[in-house]
Amino acid sequence: MKNADDPFAALPEEFRDKMASSSPEEIKAEIARIAMADQDLRQAQKDDQDLTDKKEQVKYANEPYKEGFKANRLQISYLKQVLEDKGKA
């Protein structure tokens, strides 16, 4: 039975059991293997032109919202200052 408070609950039980019974050297080797796989994954993500293109599309599609939120925050900040200046905040 998995504990809901277990931060490692998402890991496969087989992996957890195997690593729990491994020697420190085996655990260190597994850490190295996972670190290399992580770097390979980061490089693949960096080299993924389709992903890069989609990120650019999202960036441009989000621009009107970003500018709108920025304007709203600036207006609220100004109005808060006005209220403070009037002693009403």
Foldseek 3Di string as FASTA:
>chain_A
DDDPPDPCSPDDPVVVVVLVPDDPVVVVVVVVVVVVVVVVVVVVCVVPVVNVVVVVVCVVVCVVVVVVVVVVVVVVVVVVVVCVVVVND
